[in-house]
Each structure stands twice: as structure tokens, then as C-alpha cells.
Amino acid sequence: MALIRLRGMLKQRAGGRAEHTVEAATVRAALRALESEQPELRGWILDERGLVRRHINVFVNGEAGGEGTALAAGDSIDVLPAISGGAA
């Protein structure tokens, strides 16, 4: 099992629940399992091709990860919306 932790508006879309456990071999499979469990997240993390959206950052065990990153039992996946904006 892998632990997915959501932050910001993603947590809100998941009913306020920050942590989710899923059984998956890759980050893509884990995020698809999360979308099945939490339909309100569909389209917010993965696009229609199954790729992580540009404005989403994914970390596996504290290291940058992508859709194809392999997972092992006990891995943690942090999913954070990118923060941008501000004034110059």
C-alpha cells in the first residue's frame, strides 16, 4: 500500500481528507486509484492522457516523481498544487 497525501484545494475536493491509501505499482496507477475512490478529483491531477497536469507537483518519498515512478509498499506520495502569482 502507498500513502497519498493531498494539499490545498486538492484536499478540499477530496472531502477535506488529506491522506488516502491505495494499492498500486506506479504513481499513475496510484493517482487513478485515488480518482476512482474520490471522483471529485477526476481531471484535477491527471489529464485525459493520464499525465500529471503542469500545475501539479508530485513527490515520492520526498523526491520529485512522475507518472511512471515505481512504488513499493510503504511509499508516500505528496501531491501539491503549484503556487504562482504575486507582484513584481
N, C-alpha and C. Protein backbone atom coordinates (compact mmCIF):
# COMPACT_ATOMS: atom_id res chain seq x y z
N MET A 1 0.84 -1.18 0.00
CA MET A 1 0.00 0.00 0.00
C MET A 1 0.88 1.25 0.00
N ALA A 2 0.44 2.24 -0.73
CA ALA A 2 1.12 3.53 -0.75
C ALA A 2 0.19 4.56 -0.12
N LEU A 3 0.77 5.55 0.50
CA LEU A 3 0.02 6.62 1.13
C LEU A 3 0.10 7.86 0.25
N ILE A 4 -1.07 8.38 -0.14
CA ILE A 4 -1.13 9.62 -0.91
C ILE A 4 -1.58 10.73 0.03
N ARG A 5 -0.81 11.83 0.05
CA ARG A 5 -1.17 13.00 0.86
C ARG A 5 -1.49 14.16 -0.07
N LEU A 6 -2.67 14.74 0.11
CA LEU A 6 -3.12 15.86 -0.70
C LEU A 6 -3.01 17.15 0.08
N ARG A 7 -2.75 18.23 -0.64
CA ARG A 7 -2.64 19.55 -0.02
C ARG A 7 -3.57 20.54 -0.73
N GLY A 8 -3.83 21.65 -0.08
CA GLY A 8 -4.56 22.76 -0.68
C GLY A 8 -5.94 22.38 -1.18
N MET A 9 -6.27 22.90 -2.35
CA MET A 9 -7.61 22.69 -2.90
C MET A 9 -7.86 21.23 -3.26
N LEU A 10 -6.81 20.45 -3.48
CA LEU A 10 -7.00 19.02 -3.76
C LEU A 10 -7.58 18.32 -2.54
N LYS A 11 -7.09 18.67 -1.38
CA LYS A 11 -7.62 18.12 -0.13
C LYS A 11 -9.10 18.49 0.01
N GLN A 12 -9.43 19.73 -0.30
CA GLN A 12 -10.83 20.18 -0.22
C GLN A 12 -11.72 19.38 -1.17
N ARG A 13 -11.24 19.14 -2.40
CA ARG A 13 -12.02 18.39 -3.39
C ARG A 13 -12.21 16.93 -2.95
N ALA A 14 -11.33 16.44 -2.11
CA ALA A 14 -11.43 15.07 -1.61
C ALA A 14 -12.21 15.03 -0.30
N GLY A 15 -13.10 15.97 -0.11
CA GLY A 15 -13.95 15.99 1.08
C GLY A 15 -13.22 16.39 2.35
N GLY A 16 -12.09 17.10 2.20
CA GLY A 16 -11.34 17.54 3.36
C GLY A 16 -10.38 16.49 3.91
N ARG A 17 -10.33 15.36 3.26
CA ARG A 17 -9.46 14.26 3.71
C ARG A 17 -8.10 14.38 3.04
N ALA A 18 -7.05 14.48 3.83
CA ALA A 18 -5.71 14.69 3.30
C ALA A 18 -4.99 13.40 2.94
N GLU A 19 -5.26 12.30 3.64
CA GLU A 19 -4.49 11.07 3.44
C GLU A 19 -5.37 9.94 2.90
N HIS A 20 -4.82 9.23 1.92
CA HIS A 20 -5.52 8.13 1.26
C HIS A 20 -4.52 7.02 1.01
N THR A 21 -4.93 5.78 1.24
CA THR A 21 -4.05 4.66 0.93
C THR A 21 -4.59 3.93 -0.29
N VAL A 22 -3.66 3.53 -1.16
CA VAL A 22 -4.04 2.82 -2.39
C VAL A 22 -3.03 1.71 -2.64
N GLU A 23 -3.45 0.73 -3.41
CA GLU A 23 -2.58 -0.36 -3.84
C GLU A 23 -2.24 -0.08 -5.30
N ALA A 24 -0.96 0.15 -5.59
CA ALA A 24 -0.56 0.48 -6.96
C ALA A 24 0.94 0.26 -7.14
N ALA A 25 1.34 -0.01 -8.40
CA ALA A 25 2.75 -0.25 -8.71
C ALA A 25 3.46 1.00 -9.21
N THR A 26 2.69 2.00 -9.70
CA THR A 26 3.28 3.24 -10.21
C THR A 26 2.48 4.43 -9.70
N VAL A 27 3.07 5.60 -9.83
CA VAL A 27 2.38 6.83 -9.42
C VAL A 27 1.09 6.99 -10.23
N ARG A 28 1.15 6.77 -11.54
CA ARG A 28 -0.06 6.90 -12.38
C ARG A 28 -1.17 5.98 -11.87
N ALA A 29 -0.84 4.72 -11.60
CA ALA A 29 -1.84 3.77 -11.11
C ALA A 29 -2.39 4.21 -9.75
N ALA A 30 -1.54 4.75 -8.91
CA ALA A 30 -1.98 5.24 -7.59
C ALA A 30 -2.94 6.41 -7.74
N LEU A 31 -2.61 7.33 -8.63
CA LEU A 31 -3.47 8.50 -8.81
C LEU A 31 -4.78 8.12 -9.48
N ARG A 32 -4.75 7.14 -10.38
CA ARG A 32 -6.00 6.65 -10.98
C ARG A 32 -6.87 5.97 -9.92
N ALA A 33 -6.25 5.20 -9.03
CA ALA A 33 -7.00 4.57 -7.94
C ALA A 33 -7.61 5.63 -7.04
N LEU A 34 -6.86 6.69 -6.78
CA LEU A 34 -7.38 7.79 -5.97
C LEU A 34 -8.58 8.44 -6.65
N GLU A 35 -8.50 8.65 -7.97
CA GLU A 35 -9.63 9.23 -8.71
C GLU A 35 -10.86 8.33 -8.63
N SER A 36 -10.65 7.03 -8.64
CA SER A 36 -11.79 6.10 -8.53
C SER A 36 -12.44 6.21 -7.15
N GLU A 37 -11.59 6.37 -6.13
CA GLU A 37 -12.07 6.48 -4.76
C GLU A 37 -12.71 7.86 -4.50
N GLN A 38 -12.14 8.88 -5.13
CA GLN A 38 -12.58 10.27 -4.93
C GLN A 38 -12.90 10.90 -6.30
N PRO A 39 -14.08 10.62 -6.87
CA PRO A 39 -14.41 11.10 -8.21
C PRO A 39 -14.31 12.62 -8.38
N GLU A 40 -14.44 13.37 -7.31
CA GLU A 40 -14.35 14.83 -7.40
C GLU A 40 -12.95 15.29 -7.81
N LEU A 41 -11.95 14.41 -7.70
CA LEU A 41 -10.57 14.75 -8.09
C LEU A 41 -10.31 14.48 -9.57
N ARG A 42 -11.22 13.77 -10.23
CA ARG A 42 -11.01 13.38 -11.63
C ARG A 42 -10.76 14.62 -12.48
N GLY A 43 -9.63 14.61 -13.20
CA GLY A 43 -9.27 15.72 -14.07
C GLY A 43 -8.46 16.82 -13.41
N TRP A 44 -8.32 16.79 -12.11
CA TRP A 44 -7.59 17.84 -11.39
C TRP A 44 -6.11 17.50 -11.23
N ILE A 45 -5.77 16.23 -11.17
CA ILE A 45 -4.37 15.82 -11.01
C ILE A 45 -3.83 15.25 -12.31
N LEU A 46 -4.54 14.31 -12.90
CA LEU A 46 -4.16 13.71 -14.18
C LEU A 46 -5.00 14.27 -15.30
N ASP A 47 -4.37 14.48 -16.45
CA ASP A 47 -5.14 14.94 -17.60
C ASP A 47 -5.76 13.74 -18.32
N GLU A 48 -6.40 13.98 -19.46
CA GLU A 48 -7.10 12.91 -20.18
C GLU A 48 -6.15 11.83 -20.73
N ARG A 49 -4.84 12.13 -20.81
CA ARG A 49 -3.86 11.16 -21.27
C ARG A 49 -3.23 10.38 -20.11
N GLY A 50 -3.60 10.72 -18.90
CA GLY A 50 -3.03 10.05 -17.73
C GLY A 50 -1.72 10.66 -17.28
N LEU A 51 -1.43 11.88 -17.73
CA LEU A 51 -0.22 12.59 -17.33
C LEU A 51 -0.53 13.59 -16.22
N VAL A 52 0.43 13.78 -15.32
CA VAL A 52 0.24 14.75 -14.24
C VAL A 52 0.16 16.14 -14.86
N ARG A 53 -0.84 16.91 -14.47
CA ARG A 53 -1.02 18.26 -15.01
C ARG A 53 0.17 19.15 -14.66
N ARG A 54 0.43 20.14 -15.52
CA ARG A 54 1.57 21.06 -15.37
C ARG A 54 1.61 21.74 -14.01
N HIS A 55 0.45 22.11 -13.49
CA HIS A 55 0.39 22.88 -12.25
C HIS A 55 0.37 22.01 -10.99
N ILE A 56 0.62 20.71 -11.15
CA ILE A 56 0.63 19.79 -10.01
C ILE A 56 2.05 19.26 -9.80
N ASN A 57 2.51 19.26 -8.58
CA ASN A 57 3.82 18.70 -8.23
C ASN A 57 3.60 17.39 -7.47
N VAL A 58 4.38 16.37 -7.86
CA VAL A 58 4.27 15.05 -7.23
C VAL A 58 5.65 14.68 -6.68
N PHE A 59 5.66 14.26 -5.42
CA PHE A 59 6.89 13.82 -4.76
C PHE A 59 6.66 12.42 -4.19
N VAL A 60 7.64 11.55 -4.42
CA VAL A 60 7.58 10.19 -3.87
C VAL A 60 8.71 10.08 -2.85
N ASN A 61 8.33 9.85 -1.61
CA ASN A 61 9.29 9.78 -0.51
C ASN A 61 10.20 11.01 -0.48
N GLY A 62 9.63 12.18 -0.76
CA GLY A 62 10.36 13.44 -0.69
C GLY A 62 11.14 13.81 -1.92
N GLU A 63 11.14 12.95 -2.95
CA GLU A 63 11.86 13.22 -4.20
C GLU A 63 10.86 13.46 -5.32
N ALA A 64 11.20 14.35 -6.26
CA ALA A 64 10.32 14.61 -7.40
C ALA A 64 10.02 13.31 -8.12
N GLY A 65 8.75 13.11 -8.47
CA GLY A 65 8.34 11.90 -9.16
C GLY A 65 7.44 12.22 -10.33
N GLY A 66 7.19 11.24 -11.15
CA GLY A 66 6.31 11.38 -12.31
C GLY A 66 5.39 10.19 -12.41
N GLU A 67 4.61 10.18 -13.48
CA GLU A 67 3.60 9.12 -13.67
C GLU A 67 4.21 7.72 -13.63
N GLY A 68 5.39 7.56 -14.20
CA GLY A 68 6.00 6.25 -14.31
C GLY A 68 6.83 5.83 -13.12
N THR A 69 6.93 6.67 -12.11
CA THR A 69 7.73 6.34 -10.94
C THR A 69 7.17 5.09 -10.26
N ALA A 70 8.03 4.09 -10.07
CA ALA A 70 7.62 2.83 -9.43
C ALA A 70 7.41 3.04 -7.93
N LEU A 71 6.46 2.31 -7.40
CA LEU A 71 6.15 2.38 -5.97
C LEU A 71 6.41 1.04 -5.30
N ALA A 72 6.80 1.12 -4.05
CA ALA A 72 6.96 -0.06 -3.21
C ALA A 72 6.04 0.09 -2.01
N ALA A 73 5.78 -1.00 -1.33
CA ALA A 73 4.93 -0.95 -0.14
C ALA A 73 5.50 0.06 0.85
N GLY A 74 4.64 0.89 1.38
CA GLY A 74 5.04 1.87 2.37
C GLY A 74 5.50 3.21 1.80
N ASP A 75 5.55 3.34 0.47
CA ASP A 75 5.95 4.62 -0.12
C ASP A 75 4.90 5.68 0.15
N SER A 76 5.33 6.92 0.18
CA SER A 76 4.39 8.03 0.33
C SER A 76 4.49 8.95 -0.88
N ILE A 77 3.34 9.42 -1.32
CA ILE A 77 3.22 10.31 -2.47
C ILE A 77 2.58 11.60 -1.98
N ASP A 78 3.28 12.71 -2.16
CA ASP A 78 2.72 14.02 -1.82
C ASP A 78 2.31 14.69 -3.12
N VAL A 79 1.07 15.17 -3.17
CA VAL A 79 0.53 15.82 -4.36
C VAL A 79 0.16 17.25 -3.96
N LEU A 80 0.86 18.20 -4.59
CA LEU A 80 0.67 19.61 -4.24
C LEU A 80 0.39 20.45 -5.48
N PRO A 81 -0.62 21.32 -5.40
CA PRO A 81 -0.80 22.27 -6.49
C PRO A 81 0.34 23.28 -6.46
N ALA A 82 0.83 23.66 -7.64
CA ALA A 82 1.91 24.65 -7.71
C ALA A 82 1.37 25.99 -7.23
N ILE A 83 2.24 26.75 -6.62
CA ILE A 83 1.90 28.09 -6.14
C ILE A 83 2.55 29.09 -7.08
N SER A 84 1.76 30.00 -7.61
CA SER A 84 2.30 31.00 -8.51
C SER A 84 1.57 32.31 -8.29
N GLY A 85 2.08 33.33 -8.94
CA GLY A 85 1.45 34.63 -8.84
C GLY A 85 2.31 35.60 -8.07
N GLY A 86 1.72 36.69 -7.68
CA GLY A 86 2.45 37.71 -6.95
C GLY A 86 2.72 38.91 -7.82
N ALA A 87 3.31 39.90 -7.23
CA ALA A 87 3.62 41.13 -7.96
C ALA A 87 5.12 41.33 -8.01
N ALA A 88 5.56 41.96 -9.08
CA ALA A 88 6.99 42.21 -9.24
C ALA A 88 7.38 43.52 -8.57
